[in-house]
Amino acid sequence: QVQFVESGGGLVQPGGSLRLSCAASGFTLAYYAIGWFRQAPGKEREGVSCISSSDGSTYYADSVKGRFTVSRANARNTVYLQMNSLKPEDTAVYYCATALYRMCGRSWPTWDVYDYWGQGTRVTVSS
C-alpha cells in the first residue's frame, strides 16, 4: 500500500527556512517521480515542485523558483523540500504525492494527475 508521511512544518518568521520531509512506504520511491503541492485556505491546490526518478530532473513553480529546492534520499525512501526566504504567501498545508510515473512530465503541476497523497504538513509564515 502506497503511503506518504510528511513532516517538518511549523511556524516560521518571514525570511526563515524550513525543510519538509516526505517519507514513503509500500513502494520504492527511487523509481518514481514525486510532486510537492500546497493548499492555502480558500485556494486551490497548487503544484510547488516535482522531482523525476531516472535523471533526477527538478521542476518548480515560478512563485518558489530560487527559494525552494527539492531533493531525494533514495536510501531513506524520502524526498525533501528545502524552503528558504519564506514569505507569508507561502503559508499553506504542504503535501507530497505520486502518480507512479518515472518522470514529472508537463502535467506535473496538475493535482488530479496524482493518485497517492500524504496527509500534509502545515507551514505558517508569520511575524
C-alpha atoms as a PDB file:
ATOM      1  CA  GLN A   1       0.000   0.000   0.000  1.00  0.00           C
ATOM      2  CA  VAL A   2       1.471   3.305  -1.108  1.00  0.00           C
ATOM      3  CA  GLN A   3       1.697   5.741   1.782  1.00  0.00           C
ATOM      4  CA  PHE A   4       3.385   9.057   2.492  1.00  0.00           C
ATOM      5  CA  VAL A   5       4.047  10.830   5.752  1.00  0.00           C
ATOM      6  CA  GLU A   6       5.005  14.496   5.552  1.00  0.00           C
ATOM      7  CA  SER A   7       6.762  16.265   8.414  1.00  0.00           C
ATOM      8  CA  GLY A   8       8.799  19.359   9.148  1.00  0.00           C
ATOM      9  CA  GLY A   9       6.127  22.013   9.004  1.00  0.00           C
ATOM     10  CA  GLY A  10       5.681  24.689  11.629  1.00  0.00           C
ATOM     11  CA  LEU A  11       5.646  28.393  12.363  1.00  0.00           C
ATOM     12  CA  VAL A  12       8.495  30.454  10.951  1.00  0.00           C
ATOM     13  CA  GLN A  13       9.165  34.157  10.568  1.00  0.00           C
ATOM     14  CA  PRO A  14       9.368  35.774   7.127  1.00  0.00           C
ATOM     15  CA  GLY A  15      12.805  35.200   5.665  1.00  0.00           C
ATOM     16  CA  GLY A  16      13.245  31.987   7.594  1.00  0.00           C
ATOM     17  CA  SER A  17      13.728  28.408   6.409  1.00  0.00           C
ATOM     18  CA  LEU A  18      12.123  25.014   6.843  1.00  0.00           C
ATOM     19  CA  ARG A  19      12.864  21.584   5.458  1.00  0.00           C
ATOM     20  CA  LEU A  20       9.905  19.347   4.776  1.00  0.00           C
ATOM     21  CA  SER A  21      10.268  15.585   4.596  1.00  0.00           C
ATOM     22  CA  CYS A  22       8.120  13.107   2.707  1.00  0.00           C
ATOM     23  CA  ALA A  23       8.714   9.555   3.902  1.00  0.00           C
ATOM     24  CA  ALA A  24       7.289   6.841   1.654  1.00  0.00           C
ATOM     25  CA  SER A  25       6.267   3.290   2.424  1.00  0.00           C
ATOM     26  CA  GLY A  26       4.729   0.478   0.423  1.00  0.00           C
ATOM     27  CA  PHE A  27       6.788   1.199  -2.686  1.00  0.00           C
ATOM     28  CA  THR A  28      10.322   2.083  -3.760  1.00  0.00           C
ATOM     29  CA  LEU A  29      10.366   5.843  -4.022  1.00  0.00           C
ATOM     30  CA  ALA A  30      13.567   5.830  -6.102  1.00  0.00           C
ATOM     31  CA  TYR A  31      11.681   4.539  -9.143  1.00  0.00           C
ATOM     32  CA  TYR A  32       9.050   7.283  -9.309  1.00  0.00           C
ATOM     33  CA  ALA A  33       8.562  10.997  -9.709  1.00  0.00           C
ATOM     34  CA  ILE A  34       7.355  12.777  -6.583  1.00  0.00           C
ATOM     35  CA  GLY A  35       5.448  16.036  -6.545  1.00  0.00           C
ATOM     36  CA  TRP A  36       5.039  18.644  -3.811  1.00  0.00           C
ATOM     37  CA  PHE A  37       1.835  20.636  -3.596  1.00  0.00           C
ATOM     38  CA  ARG A  38       0.390  23.192  -1.248  1.00  0.00           C
ATOM     39  CA  GLN A  39      -3.060  24.457  -0.431  1.00  0.00           C
ATOM     40  CA  ALA A  40      -3.771  27.713   1.321  1.00  0.00           C
ATOM     41  CA  PRO A  41      -7.160  28.396   2.940  1.00  0.00           C
ATOM     42  CA  GLY A  42      -9.751  29.200   0.310  1.00  0.00           C
ATOM     43  CA  LYS A  43      -7.397  28.482  -2.571  1.00  0.00           C
ATOM     44  CA  GLU A  44      -6.889  25.626  -4.991  1.00  0.00           C
ATOM     45  CA  ARG A  45      -4.151  23.076  -4.507  1.00  0.00           C
ATOM     46  CA  GLU A  46      -1.024  24.378  -6.231  1.00  0.00           C
ATOM     47  CA  GLY A  47       1.912  22.458  -7.670  1.00  0.00           C
ATOM     48  CA  VAL A  48       5.125  23.595  -5.991  1.00  0.00           C
ATOM     49  CA  SER A  49       7.813  21.232  -7.236  1.00  0.00           C
ATOM     50  CA  CYS A  50       8.485  17.847  -8.776  1.00  0.00           C
ATOM     51  CA  ILE A  51      11.498  15.567  -8.938  1.00  0.00           C
ATOM     52  CA  SER A  52      11.828  12.823 -11.527  1.00  0.00           C
ATOM     53  CA  SER A  53      13.316   9.440 -10.787  1.00  0.00           C
ATOM     54  CA  SER A  54      15.630   8.351 -13.567  1.00  0.00           C
ATOM     55  CA  ASP A  55      17.571  11.576 -14.200  1.00  0.00           C
ATOM     56  CA  GLY A  56      16.641  13.488 -11.044  1.00  0.00           C
ATOM     57  CA  SER A  57      15.376  16.450 -13.057  1.00  0.00           C
ATOM     58  CA  THR A  58      13.538  19.026 -10.977  1.00  0.00           C
ATOM     59  CA  TYR A  59      10.744  21.466 -11.654  1.00  0.00           C
ATOM     60  CA  TYR A  60       9.437  24.438  -9.706  1.00  0.00           C
ATOM     61  CA  ALA A  61       6.531  26.809  -9.737  1.00  0.00           C
ATOM     62  CA  ASP A  62       7.590  30.341 -10.636  1.00  0.00           C
ATOM     63  CA  SER A  63       6.484  31.525  -7.207  1.00  0.00           C
ATOM     64  CA  VAL A  64       9.119  29.407  -5.443  1.00  0.00           C
ATOM     65  CA  LYS A  65      11.908  29.211  -8.013  1.00  0.00           C
ATOM     66  CA  GLY A  66      15.240  30.194  -6.497  1.00  0.00           C
ATOM     67  CA  ARG A  67      13.941  29.764  -2.943  1.00  0.00           C
ATOM     68  CA  PHE A  68      12.852  26.110  -2.747  1.00  0.00           C
ATOM     69  CA  THR A  69      14.922  23.036  -3.536  1.00  0.00           C
ATOM     70  CA  VAL A  70      13.596  19.506  -3.913  1.00  0.00           C
ATOM     71  CA  SER A  71      15.861  16.501  -3.380  1.00  0.00           C
ATOM     72  CA  ARG A  72      15.593  12.799  -2.718  1.00  0.00           C
ATOM     73  CA  ALA A  73      17.376  10.370  -0.380  1.00  0.00           C
ATOM     74  CA  ASN A  74      16.583   7.064  -2.009  1.00  0.00           C
ATOM     75  CA  ALA A  75      18.271   5.018   0.697  1.00  0.00           C
ATOM     76  CA  ARG A  76      15.813   6.544   3.179  1.00  0.00           C
ATOM     77  CA  ASN A  77      12.857   6.324   0.787  1.00  0.00           C
ATOM     78  CA  THR A  78      12.385  10.030   1.430  1.00  0.00           C
ATOM     79  CA  VAL A  79      12.018  13.230  -0.569  1.00  0.00           C
ATOM     80  CA  TYR A  80      12.788  16.655   0.897  1.00  0.00           C
ATOM     81  CA  LEU A  81      11.678  20.185   0.163  1.00  0.00           C
ATOM     82  CA  GLN A  82      14.105  22.809   1.440  1.00  0.00           C
ATOM     83  CA  MET A  83      12.307  26.135   1.715  1.00  0.00           C
ATOM     84  CA  ASN A  84      14.361  29.313   2.157  1.00  0.00           C
ATOM     85  CA  SER A  85      13.473  33.010   2.218  1.00  0.00           C
ATOM     86  CA  LEU A  86       9.949  32.124   3.234  1.00  0.00           C
ATOM     87  CA  LYS A  87       7.182  34.654   2.679  1.00  0.00           C
ATOM     88  CA  PRO A  88       3.741  34.987   4.279  1.00  0.00           C
ATOM     89  CA  GLU A  89       2.208  33.877   0.984  1.00  0.00           C
ATOM     90  CA  ASP A  90       3.967  30.505   1.381  1.00  0.00           C
ATOM     91  CA  THR A  91       1.606  29.743   4.255  1.00  0.00           C
ATOM     92  CA  ALA A  92      -0.289  26.554   3.382  1.00  0.00           C
ATOM     93  CA  VAL A  93      -0.621  22.860   4.029  1.00  0.00           C
ATOM     94  CA  TYR A  94       2.080  21.083   2.027  1.00  0.00           C
ATOM     95  CA  TYR A  95       1.565  17.640   0.514  1.00  0.00           C
ATOM     96  CA  CYS A  96       3.699  15.149  -1.364  1.00  0.00           C
ATOM     97  CA  ALA A  97       2.185  12.883  -3.964  1.00  0.00           C
ATOM     98  CA  THR A  98       2.915  10.441  -6.755  1.00  0.00           C
ATOM     99  CA  ALA A  99       1.232   9.156  -9.884  1.00  0.00           C
ATOM    100  CA  LEU A 100       3.712   6.260 -10.058  1.00  0.00           C
ATOM    101  CA  TYR A 101       5.278   7.681 -13.220  1.00  0.00           C
ATOM    102  CA  ARG A 102       9.049   7.827 -13.594  1.00  0.00           C
ATOM    103  CA  MET A 103       9.171  11.355 -14.970  1.00  0.00           C
ATOM    104  CA  CYS A 104       7.410  14.506 -13.860  1.00  0.00           C
ATOM    105  CA  GLY A 105       6.159  15.456 -17.322  1.00  0.00           C
ATOM    106  CA  ARG A 106       4.370  18.586 -18.492  1.00  0.00           C
ATOM    107  CA  SER A 107       1.384  17.935 -16.283  1.00  0.00           C
ATOM    108  CA  TRP A 108       3.354  17.790 -13.062  1.00  0.00           C
ATOM    109  CA  PRO A 109       1.649  20.865 -11.509  1.00  0.00           C
ATOM    110  CA  THR A 110      -1.824  19.385 -12.060  1.00  0.00           C
ATOM    111  CA  TRP A 111      -3.018  17.896  -8.805  1.00  0.00           C
ATOM    112  CA  ASP A 112      -5.539  15.460 -10.270  1.00  0.00           C
ATOM    113  CA  VAL A 113      -2.820  13.605 -12.172  1.00  0.00           C
ATOM    114  CA  TYR A 114      -1.632  12.191  -8.853  1.00  0.00           C
ATOM    115  CA  ASP A 115      -3.149   9.110  -7.256  1.00  0.00           C
ATOM    116  CA  TYR A 116      -1.421   8.868  -3.884  1.00  0.00           C
ATOM    117  CA  TRP A 117      -1.157  11.642  -1.303  1.00  0.00           C
ATOM    118  CA  GLY A 118       0.151  12.184   2.163  1.00  0.00           C
ATOM    119  CA  GLN A 119      -1.859  13.821   4.936  1.00  0.00           C
ATOM    120  CA  GLY A 120       0.024  17.111   4.674  1.00  0.00           C
ATOM    121  CA  THR A 121       2.109  19.254   6.983  1.00  0.00           C
ATOM    122  CA  ARG A 122       1.181  22.819   7.864  1.00  0.00           C
ATOM    123  CA  VAL A 123       3.555  25.709   7.226  1.00  0.00           C
ATOM    124  CA  THR A 124       2.790  29.136   8.676  1.00  0.00           C
ATOM    125  CA  VAL A 125       4.980  32.098   7.809  1.00  0.00           C
ATOM    126  CA  SER A 126       4.217  34.984  10.120  1.00  0.00           C
ATOM    127  CA  SER A 127       5.917  37.512  12.346  1.00  0.00           C
END
